[in-house]
Amino acid sequence: MTAIDELLKRNYELGNVVPGDRSSAKPSLQVAILTCMDSRIRVFEIFGLKQGEAHVLRNAGGVVTDDAIRSLALSQRKLGTREVLLVHHTNCGLEMVTEDDFKDELEADTGLRPTWAVEAFKVVEQSVRGSMARLRRSPFIPHTDKVRGFVYDVHTGELREVDAAESQAA
């Protein structure tokens, strides 16, 4: 059985028992959450979310990329969100690569060098601050007064807020 077959089996067995309001694409809490794709981050459980309460966006590192801005612009301008919660985490895979090394590896394997940024980092708090700043600078995101960033500890479950005002060099 493939992993997809296993997931489909679980979905069938689960049935329609997921709580929440499915009547609208507009999140009832008017919040969008951008976090990493890491499977240890159980977004709905961490925040006690029900279906229909928040938009949840995920990518490698949970960083604010052009595609994240695209999704957040739609979320705010067409679907009514007013707050953005950024959640990066400890022990992230992006801490274990460098921009150039990964691009070199891909180029050696495929003959093509990626045009996109890997967004690798060494200090997770600096990555959170950079993502908050990028989001606040975007002309496409109208509601930036309630952008907050956090680091989730994958071992303890603790959420620690990152102060956007602190220096990038901190």
N, C-alpha and C. Protein backbone atom coordinates (compact mmCIF):
# COMPACT_ATOMS: atom_id res chain seq x y z
N MET A 1 0.84 -1.18 0.00
CA MET A 1 0.00 0.00 0.00
C MET A 1 0.89 1.24 0.00
N THR A 2 0.58 2.21 -0.85
CA THR A 2 1.36 3.44 -0.89
C THR A 2 0.92 4.37 0.24
N ALA A 3 1.71 5.39 0.49
CA ALA A 3 1.36 6.38 1.52
C ALA A 3 0.04 7.06 1.16
N ILE A 4 -0.16 7.36 -0.13
CA ILE A 4 -1.41 8.00 -0.55
C ILE A 4 -2.59 7.07 -0.31
N ASP A 5 -2.43 5.79 -0.61
CA ASP A 5 -3.50 4.82 -0.34
C ASP A 5 -3.83 4.79 1.15
N GLU A 6 -2.80 4.82 2.00
CA GLU A 6 -3.01 4.82 3.44
C GLU A 6 -3.79 6.06 3.88
N LEU A 7 -3.44 7.22 3.34
CA LEU A 7 -4.14 8.46 3.69
C LEU A 7 -5.59 8.43 3.23
N LEU A 8 -5.84 7.91 2.05
CA LEU A 8 -7.21 7.80 1.55
C LEU A 8 -8.03 6.85 2.42
N LYS A 9 -7.42 5.78 2.87
CA LYS A 9 -8.10 4.84 3.76
C LYS A 9 -8.47 5.54 5.07
N ARG A 10 -7.53 6.29 5.63
CA ARG A 10 -7.80 7.02 6.87
C ARG A 10 -8.93 8.02 6.68
N ASN A 11 -8.92 8.73 5.54
CA ASN A 11 -9.97 9.70 5.26
C ASN A 11 -11.34 9.03 5.23
N TYR A 12 -11.41 7.90 4.57
CA TYR A 12 -12.67 7.16 4.48
C TYR A 12 -13.13 6.73 5.87
N GLU A 13 -12.20 6.23 6.68
CA GLU A 13 -12.54 5.76 8.03
C GLU A 13 -12.93 6.91 8.94
N LEU A 14 -12.33 8.08 8.74
CA LEU A 14 -12.63 9.25 9.57
C LEU A 14 -14.06 9.72 9.34
N GLY A 15 -14.48 9.73 8.08
CA GLY A 15 -15.82 10.22 7.78
C GLY A 15 -15.89 11.73 7.97
N ASN A 16 -17.07 12.24 8.19
CA ASN A 16 -17.29 13.68 8.31
C ASN A 16 -17.42 14.06 9.78
N VAL A 17 -16.31 13.96 10.51
CA VAL A 17 -16.36 14.25 11.94
C VAL A 17 -15.50 15.46 12.33
N VAL A 18 -14.98 16.17 11.35
CA VAL A 18 -14.12 17.31 11.66
C VAL A 18 -14.98 18.51 12.04
N PRO A 19 -14.81 19.03 13.26
CA PRO A 19 -15.67 20.14 13.70
C PRO A 19 -15.31 21.45 13.00
N GLY A 20 -16.32 22.29 12.86
CA GLY A 20 -16.10 23.61 12.30
C GLY A 20 -17.15 23.95 11.27
N ASP A 21 -17.15 25.22 10.89
CA ASP A 21 -18.11 25.74 9.93
C ASP A 21 -17.49 25.71 8.54
N ARG A 22 -18.13 25.05 7.61
CA ARG A 22 -17.62 24.94 6.24
C ARG A 22 -18.45 25.78 5.27
N SER A 23 -19.25 26.70 5.78
CA SER A 23 -20.19 27.43 4.92
C SER A 23 -19.56 28.52 4.09
N SER A 24 -18.35 28.98 4.44
CA SER A 24 -17.73 30.09 3.72
C SER A 24 -16.23 29.87 3.58
N ALA A 25 -15.67 30.39 2.49
CA ALA A 25 -14.21 30.36 2.31
C ALA A 25 -13.53 31.43 3.14
N LYS A 26 -14.31 32.37 3.69
CA LYS A 26 -13.75 33.43 4.53
C LYS A 26 -13.53 32.91 5.94
N PRO A 27 -12.27 32.94 6.43
CA PRO A 27 -12.00 32.43 7.78
C PRO A 27 -12.69 33.26 8.85
N SER A 28 -13.41 32.60 9.74
CA SER A 28 -14.19 33.31 10.75
C SER A 28 -13.33 34.11 11.73
N LEU A 29 -12.09 33.69 11.97
CA LEU A 29 -11.21 34.46 12.86
C LEU A 29 -10.45 35.56 12.12
N GLN A 30 -10.61 35.63 10.82
CA GLN A 30 -9.95 36.63 9.97
C GLN A 30 -8.42 36.62 10.15
N VAL A 31 -7.85 35.43 10.24
CA VAL A 31 -6.41 35.29 10.42
C VAL A 31 -5.86 34.30 9.40
N ALA A 32 -4.65 34.59 8.95
CA ALA A 32 -3.90 33.67 8.10
C ALA A 32 -2.65 33.27 8.87
N ILE A 33 -2.32 31.99 8.82
CA ILE A 33 -1.14 31.45 9.49
C ILE A 33 -0.20 30.94 8.43
N LEU A 34 1.04 31.44 8.45
CA LEU A 34 2.08 30.95 7.54
C LEU A 34 3.12 30.23 8.38
N THR A 35 3.33 28.96 8.07
CA THR A 35 4.28 28.17 8.83
C THR A 35 5.04 27.23 7.91
N CYS A 36 5.96 26.52 8.49
CA CYS A 36 6.79 25.58 7.75
C CYS A 36 6.02 24.31 7.40
N MET A 37 6.49 23.62 6.39
CA MET A 37 5.88 22.35 5.97
C MET A 37 6.27 21.19 6.87
N ASP A 38 7.13 21.42 7.85
CA ASP A 38 7.61 20.37 8.74
C ASP A 38 6.43 19.62 9.37
N SER A 39 6.46 18.32 9.28
CA SER A 39 5.33 17.50 9.75
C SER A 39 5.18 17.49 11.27
N ARG A 40 6.15 18.01 11.99
CA ARG A 40 6.03 18.08 13.46
C ARG A 40 5.17 19.24 13.91
N ILE A 41 4.85 20.15 13.00
CA ILE A 41 4.03 21.31 13.35
C ILE A 41 2.58 20.99 13.02
N ARG A 42 1.83 20.68 14.03
CA ARG A 42 0.42 20.31 13.88
C ARG A 42 -0.42 21.56 14.12
N VAL A 43 -0.55 22.36 13.09
CA VAL A 43 -1.12 23.70 13.19
C VAL A 43 -2.50 23.70 13.85
N PHE A 44 -3.39 22.85 13.42
CA PHE A 44 -4.74 22.86 13.99
C PHE A 44 -4.72 22.51 15.47
N GLU A 45 -3.89 21.58 15.87
CA GLU A 45 -3.81 21.19 17.27
C GLU A 45 -3.12 22.25 18.12
N ILE A 46 -2.04 22.84 17.60
CA ILE A 46 -1.29 23.84 18.36
C ILE A 46 -2.18 25.01 18.77
N PHE A 47 -3.04 25.43 17.86
CA PHE A 47 -3.88 26.61 18.12
C PHE A 47 -5.33 26.26 18.43
N GLY A 48 -5.65 24.99 18.51
CA GLY A 48 -7.01 24.59 18.80
C GLY A 48 -7.99 25.03 17.71
N LEU A 49 -7.52 25.04 16.47
CA LEU A 49 -8.34 25.52 15.36
C LEU A 49 -9.40 24.52 14.95
N LYS A 50 -10.53 25.07 14.52
CA LYS A 50 -11.57 24.29 13.88
C LYS A 50 -11.59 24.67 12.41
N GLN A 51 -12.19 23.81 11.59
CA GLN A 51 -12.31 24.13 10.17
C GLN A 51 -13.04 25.46 10.02
N GLY A 52 -12.58 26.24 9.05
CA GLY A 52 -13.25 27.50 8.74
C GLY A 52 -12.78 28.69 9.55
N GLU A 53 -11.85 28.51 10.47
CA GLU A 53 -11.42 29.62 11.32
C GLU A 53 -10.23 30.39 10.78
N ALA A 54 -9.33 29.74 10.03
CA ALA A 54 -8.09 30.40 9.60
C ALA A 54 -7.63 29.83 8.27
N HIS A 55 -6.92 30.67 7.52
CA HIS A 55 -6.19 30.17 6.36
C HIS A 55 -4.85 29.66 6.88
N VAL A 56 -4.44 28.50 6.42
CA VAL A 56 -3.16 27.94 6.82
C VAL A 56 -2.32 27.73 5.57
N LEU A 57 -1.18 28.43 5.52
CA LEU A 57 -0.25 28.35 4.39
C LEU A 57 1.03 27.72 4.90
N ARG A 58 1.61 26.84 4.08
CA ARG A 58 2.84 26.18 4.49
C ARG A 58 3.82 26.17 3.33
N ASN A 59 5.10 26.35 3.67
CA ASN A 59 6.19 26.19 2.71
C ASN A 59 7.45 25.83 3.49
N ALA A 60 8.52 25.55 2.78
CA ALA A 60 9.78 25.22 3.44
C ALA A 60 10.25 26.42 4.27
N GLY A 61 10.32 26.26 5.56
CA GLY A 61 10.78 27.32 6.45
C GLY A 61 9.70 28.25 6.94
N GLY A 62 8.54 28.25 6.30
CA GLY A 62 7.49 29.20 6.68
C GLY A 62 7.86 30.63 6.35
N VAL A 63 8.75 30.81 5.39
CA VAL A 63 9.24 32.15 5.06
C VAL A 63 8.30 32.87 4.10
N VAL A 64 8.34 34.19 4.16
CA VAL A 64 7.52 35.00 3.27
C VAL A 64 8.23 35.10 1.92
N THR A 65 7.72 34.33 0.97
CA THR A 65 8.22 34.30 -0.40
C THR A 65 7.21 35.02 -1.28
N ASP A 66 7.54 35.19 -2.56
CA ASP A 66 6.58 35.79 -3.49
C ASP A 66 5.28 35.00 -3.53
N ASP A 67 5.36 33.68 -3.49
CA ASP A 67 4.15 32.88 -3.53
C ASP A 67 3.34 33.04 -2.25
N ALA A 68 4.01 33.17 -1.11
CA ALA A 68 3.30 33.41 0.15
C ALA A 68 2.59 34.76 0.10
N ILE A 69 3.27 35.77 -0.45
CA ILE A 69 2.64 37.10 -0.59
C ILE A 69 1.43 37.00 -1.51
N ARG A 70 1.54 36.24 -2.59
CA ARG A 70 0.41 36.02 -3.50
C ARG A 70 -0.78 35.46 -2.72
N SER A 71 -0.55 34.42 -1.95
CA SER A 71 -1.63 33.79 -1.19
C SER A 71 -2.19 34.72 -0.11
N LEU A 72 -1.31 35.43 0.58
CA LEU A 72 -1.77 36.34 1.63
C LEU A 72 -2.52 37.54 1.04
N ALA A 73 -2.11 38.01 -0.13
CA ALA A 73 -2.84 39.11 -0.78
C ALA A 73 -4.26 38.67 -1.11
N LEU A 74 -4.42 37.47 -1.64
CA LEU A 74 -5.76 36.94 -1.91
C LEU A 74 -6.54 36.76 -0.61
N SER A 75 -5.87 36.23 0.40
CA SER A 75 -6.50 36.00 1.70
C SER A 75 -7.05 37.30 2.28
N GLN A 76 -6.26 38.37 2.22
CA GLN A 76 -6.70 39.64 2.79
C GLN A 76 -7.67 40.38 1.89
N ARG A 77 -7.34 40.50 0.63
CA ARG A 77 -8.13 41.34 -0.28
C ARG A 77 -9.45 40.71 -0.72
N LYS A 78 -9.50 39.39 -0.80
CA LYS A 78 -10.72 38.73 -1.30
C LYS A 78 -11.45 37.90 -0.25
N LEU A 79 -10.75 37.53 0.82
CA LEU A 79 -11.37 36.61 1.76
C LEU A 79 -11.38 37.12 3.20
N GLY A 80 -11.03 38.40 3.39
CA GLY A 80 -11.30 39.07 4.65
C GLY A 80 -10.36 38.88 5.81
N THR A 81 -9.18 38.28 5.62
CA THR A 81 -8.29 38.16 6.77
C THR A 81 -7.66 39.52 7.08
N ARG A 82 -7.38 39.73 8.35
CA ARG A 82 -6.82 41.01 8.81
C ARG A 82 -5.56 40.84 9.65
N GLU A 83 -5.24 39.61 10.01
CA GLU A 83 -4.07 39.34 10.83
C GLU A 83 -3.24 38.24 10.16
N VAL A 84 -1.92 38.30 10.41
CA VAL A 84 -1.02 37.26 9.90
C VAL A 84 -0.16 36.77 11.05
N LEU A 85 -0.18 35.46 11.24
CA LEU A 85 0.61 34.80 12.27
C LEU A 85 1.69 33.98 11.56
N LEU A 86 2.95 34.37 11.75
CA LEU A 86 4.08 33.65 11.18
C LEU A 86 4.64 32.71 12.23
N VAL A 87 4.83 31.44 11.85
CA VAL A 87 5.37 30.46 12.79
C VAL A 87 6.52 29.71 12.14
N HIS A 88 7.74 30.06 12.57
CA HIS A 88 8.91 29.28 12.19
C HIS A 88 9.17 28.32 13.35
N HIS A 89 10.23 27.51 13.28
CA HIS A 89 10.41 26.53 14.35
C HIS A 89 11.87 26.16 14.56
N THR A 90 12.11 25.56 15.69
CA THR A 90 13.44 25.07 16.02
C THR A 90 13.75 23.84 15.17
N ASN A 91 15.03 23.58 14.99
CA ASN A 91 15.48 22.36 14.30
C ASN A 91 14.90 22.26 12.89
N CYS A 92 14.91 23.38 12.17
CA CYS A 92 14.36 23.44 10.81
C CYS A 92 15.38 22.92 9.79
N GLY A 93 14.90 22.24 8.79
CA GLY A 93 15.77 21.73 7.74
C GLY A 93 16.50 22.83 6.98
N LEU A 94 15.92 24.05 6.92
CA LEU A 94 16.59 25.14 6.22
C LEU A 94 17.83 25.64 6.96
N GLU A 95 17.97 25.26 8.22
CA GLU A 95 19.18 25.59 8.98
C GLU A 95 20.34 24.68 8.59
N MET A 96 20.03 23.60 7.89
CA MET A 96 21.04 22.59 7.58
C MET A 96 21.57 22.68 6.16
N VAL A 97 21.13 23.67 5.41
CA VAL A 97 21.60 23.85 4.03
C VAL A 97 22.08 25.28 3.86
N THR A 98 22.82 25.52 2.79
CA THR A 98 23.14 26.89 2.43
C THR A 98 22.57 27.15 1.04
N GLU A 99 22.33 28.39 0.78
CA GLU A 99 21.75 28.82 -0.50
C GLU A 99 22.55 28.27 -1.68
N ASP A 100 23.84 28.57 -1.69
CA ASP A 100 24.67 28.19 -2.83
C ASP A 100 24.89 26.68 -2.93
N ASP A 101 25.12 26.02 -1.81
CA ASP A 101 25.35 24.58 -1.86
C ASP A 101 24.15 23.83 -2.42
N PHE A 102 22.94 24.20 -1.98
CA PHE A 102 21.76 23.51 -2.48
C PHE A 102 21.52 23.81 -3.95
N LYS A 103 21.73 25.06 -4.35
CA LYS A 103 21.58 25.40 -5.77
C LYS A 103 22.63 24.70 -6.61
N ASP A 104 23.85 24.61 -6.10
CA ASP A 104 24.91 23.87 -6.80
C ASP A 104 24.51 22.40 -6.98
N GLU A 105 23.95 21.81 -5.94
CA GLU A 105 23.53 20.40 -5.98
C GLU A 105 22.44 20.20 -7.05
N LEU A 106 21.47 21.09 -7.06
CA LEU A 106 20.39 20.99 -8.04
C LEU A 106 20.91 21.18 -9.46
N GLU A 107 21.82 22.14 -9.62
CA GLU A 107 22.38 22.40 -10.94
C GLU A 107 23.20 21.20 -11.43
N ALA A 108 23.98 20.60 -10.54
CA ALA A 108 24.78 19.44 -10.92
C ALA A 108 23.89 18.26 -11.31
N ASP A 109 22.76 18.13 -10.63
CA ASP A 109 21.86 17.01 -10.89
C ASP A 109 20.99 17.21 -12.13
N THR A 110 20.59 18.46 -12.39
CA THR A 110 19.62 18.70 -13.46
C THR A 110 20.16 19.48 -14.65
N GLY A 111 21.30 20.15 -14.44
CA GLY A 111 21.82 21.02 -15.49
C GLY A 111 21.20 22.41 -15.47
N LEU A 112 20.28 22.64 -14.54
CA LEU A 112 19.61 23.94 -14.42
C LEU A 112 19.83 24.50 -13.02
N ARG A 113 20.08 25.82 -12.95
CA ARG A 113 20.22 26.48 -11.65
C ARG A 113 18.89 27.15 -11.31
N PRO A 114 18.35 26.89 -10.13
CA PRO A 114 17.08 27.50 -9.76
C PRO A 114 17.16 29.02 -9.74
N THR A 115 16.09 29.66 -10.17
CA THR A 115 16.01 31.12 -10.11
C THR A 115 15.44 31.58 -8.77
N TRP A 116 14.82 30.66 -8.04
CA TRP A 116 14.19 31.02 -6.77
C TRP A 116 15.20 30.92 -5.62
N ALA A 117 14.90 31.64 -4.56
CA ALA A 117 15.76 31.62 -3.37
C ALA A 117 15.41 30.43 -2.50
N VAL A 118 16.41 29.80 -1.95
CA VAL A 118 16.21 28.69 -1.03
C VAL A 118 15.70 29.22 0.31
N GLU A 119 16.14 30.39 0.69
CA GLU A 119 15.78 31.05 1.96
C GLU A 119 16.39 30.33 3.16
N ALA A 120 17.55 29.74 2.97
CA ALA A 120 18.25 29.09 4.08
C ALA A 120 18.64 30.12 5.13
N PHE A 121 18.76 29.67 6.37
CA PHE A 121 19.13 30.58 7.45
C PHE A 121 19.87 29.81 8.53
N LYS A 122 20.56 30.53 9.39
CA LYS A 122 21.27 29.92 10.52
C LYS A 122 20.60 30.26 11.85
N VAL A 123 19.95 31.43 11.93
CA VAL A 123 19.32 31.87 13.17
C VAL A 123 17.83 32.07 12.90
N VAL A 124 17.01 31.22 13.50
CA VAL A 124 15.59 31.22 13.20
C VAL A 124 14.91 32.55 13.52
N GLU A 125 15.33 33.21 14.59
CA GLU A 125 14.71 34.50 14.95
C GLU A 125 14.97 35.54 13.87
N GLN A 126 16.15 35.53 13.27
CA GLN A 126 16.44 36.47 12.18
C GLN A 126 15.57 36.17 10.96
N SER A 127 15.30 34.90 10.70
CA SER A 127 14.43 34.54 9.60
C SER A 127 13.01 35.04 9.84
N VAL A 128 12.54 34.92 11.08
CA VAL A 128 11.20 35.42 11.42
C VAL A 128 11.15 36.93 11.22
N ARG A 129 12.16 37.65 11.72
CA ARG A 129 12.18 39.11 11.56
C ARG A 129 12.22 39.51 10.09
N GLY A 130 13.02 38.80 9.31
CA GLY A 130 13.09 39.09 7.87
C GLY A 130 11.76 38.86 7.18
N SER A 131 11.07 37.79 7.55
CA SER A 131 9.76 37.51 6.97
C SER A 131 8.73 38.56 7.37
N MET A 132 8.76 38.98 8.63
CA MET A 132 7.83 40.03 9.07
C MET A 132 8.09 41.32 8.30
N ALA A 133 9.36 41.69 8.15
CA ALA A 133 9.72 42.92 7.43
C ALA A 133 9.29 42.84 5.97
N ARG A 134 9.53 41.71 5.32
CA ARG A 134 9.16 41.53 3.92
C ARG A 134 7.65 41.66 3.74
N LEU A 135 6.91 41.10 4.67
CA LEU A 135 5.45 41.17 4.60
C LEU A 135 4.96 42.60 4.80
N ARG A 136 5.54 43.29 5.77
CA ARG A 136 5.12 44.67 6.05
C ARG A 136 5.48 45.63 4.92
N ARG A 137 6.53 45.31 4.16
CA ARG A 137 6.94 46.17 3.04
C ARG A 137 6.13 45.92 1.77
N SER A 138 5.43 44.83 1.70
CA SER A 138 4.74 44.47 0.47
C SER A 138 3.58 45.41 0.19
N PRO A 139 3.55 45.99 -1.01
CA PRO A 139 2.42 46.87 -1.37
C PRO A 139 1.13 46.08 -1.60
N PHE A 140 1.22 44.77 -1.70
CA PHE A 140 0.06 43.94 -1.99
C PHE A 140 -0.71 43.52 -0.74
N ILE A 141 -0.09 43.71 0.42
CA ILE A 141 -0.70 43.30 1.69
C ILE A 141 -1.21 44.56 2.40
N PRO A 142 -2.53 44.79 2.40
CA PRO A 142 -3.04 46.03 2.97
C PRO A 142 -3.07 46.07 4.50
N HIS A 143 -3.17 44.93 5.16
CA HIS A 143 -3.30 44.91 6.62
C HIS A 143 -2.04 44.32 7.25
N THR A 144 -1.12 45.21 7.62
CA THR A 144 0.15 44.75 8.18
C THR A 144 0.33 45.16 9.64
N ASP A 145 -0.68 45.81 10.22
CA ASP A 145 -0.56 46.27 11.60
C ASP A 145 -0.66 45.11 12.59
N LYS A 146 -1.20 43.98 12.16
CA LYS A 146 -1.33 42.83 13.05
C LYS A 146 -0.58 41.63 12.47
N VAL A 147 0.70 41.85 12.18
CA VAL A 147 1.60 40.78 11.74
C VAL A 147 2.48 40.44 12.93
N ARG A 148 2.45 39.18 13.36
CA ARG A 148 3.26 38.77 14.49
C ARG A 148 4.00 37.49 14.14
N GLY A 149 5.21 37.34 14.68
CA GLY A 149 6.04 36.20 14.37
C GLY A 149 6.44 35.43 15.62
N PHE A 150 6.53 34.10 15.46
CA PHE A 150 6.83 33.22 16.57
C PHE A 150 7.79 32.13 16.16
N VAL A 151 8.48 31.56 17.14
CA VAL A 151 9.28 30.36 16.95
C VAL A 151 8.61 29.27 17.79
N TYR A 152 8.30 28.16 17.13
CA TYR A 152 7.69 27.01 17.78
C TYR A 152 8.80 26.01 18.10
N ASP A 153 8.88 25.61 19.35
CA ASP A 153 9.87 24.61 19.76
C ASP A 153 9.27 23.23 19.49
N VAL A 154 9.84 22.51 18.53
CA VAL A 154 9.28 21.21 18.12
C VAL A 154 9.40 20.15 19.21
N HIS A 155 10.24 20.38 20.21
CA HIS A 155 10.42 19.39 21.28
C HIS A 155 9.52 19.66 22.48
N THR A 156 9.29 20.94 22.81
CA THR A 156 8.49 21.26 24.00
C THR A 156 7.09 21.75 23.67
N GLY A 157 6.87 22.19 22.43
CA GLY A 157 5.57 22.75 22.05
C GLY A 157 5.42 24.22 22.40
N GLU A 158 6.47 24.82 22.98
CA GLU A 158 6.41 26.22 23.37
C GLU A 158 6.42 27.13 22.14
N LEU A 159 5.61 28.18 22.19
CA LEU A 159 5.63 29.25 21.19
C LEU A 159 6.27 30.46 21.82
N ARG A 160 7.29 31.00 21.16
CA ARG A 160 8.01 32.16 21.68
C ARG A 160 7.89 33.29 20.66
N GLU A 161 7.34 34.43 21.08
CA GLU A 161 7.18 35.55 20.16
C GLU A 161 8.53 36.21 19.87
N VAL A 162 8.70 36.62 18.63
CA VAL A 162 9.91 37.30 18.18
C VAL A 162 9.58 38.76 18.03
N ASP A 163 10.37 39.60 18.67
CA ASP A 163 10.15 41.04 18.62
C ASP A 163 10.67 41.56 17.29
N ALA A 164 9.79 42.10 16.49
CA ALA A 164 10.16 42.62 15.16
C ALA A 164 11.06 43.83 15.27
N ALA A 165 11.01 44.55 16.36
CA ALA A 165 11.78 45.78 16.50
C ALA A 165 13.25 45.53 16.80
N GLU A 166 13.57 44.33 17.26
CA GLU A 166 14.98 44.03 17.56
C GLU A 166 15.81 44.06 16.28
N SER A 167 17.05 44.40 16.43
CA SER A 167 17.97 44.49 15.30
C SER A 167 18.09 43.16 14.58
N GLN A 168 18.24 43.19 13.26
CA GLN A 168 18.47 41.99 12.46
C GLN A 168 19.78 41.31 12.88
N ALA A 169 20.69 42.06 13.44
CA ALA A 169 21.98 41.50 13.84
C ALA A 169 21.91 40.78 15.18
N ALA A 170 20.78 40.96 15.87
CA ALA A 170 20.65 40.35 17.20
C ALA A 170 20.70 38.84 17.16
